[in-house]
Amino acid sequence: MNDEKSDEQIYTITEELPERNVSVMAICAGFRFLGYFDNDGKWRTKHRNEEVQGVIARSYWE
C-alpha cells in the first residue's frame, strides 16, 4: 500500500462545475467513474456516453 499523499483535488458540485466535455473522475455515493459534464448539463460516462445521475463531486489530478 502506498502511503504517499495524493495530489487529488476534490470539488463538490455546489462549489464548482467542471468545464463542459472535459474528462474528470465523477463521484457518486458509493462509486466513482470516468466521465464528463456534457453541453446539456448532464453527467455521462466517458466510454459509453451513458447518463449518470447522483453525482455529488468530481476530481482530477493536476
Foldseek 3Di string as FASTA:
>chain_A
DDPDDAQKDKFFPVGDFDDAPDWWFFDAVPDTATWGQHPVRFIAGDPPRHTDPRGTMTIDHD
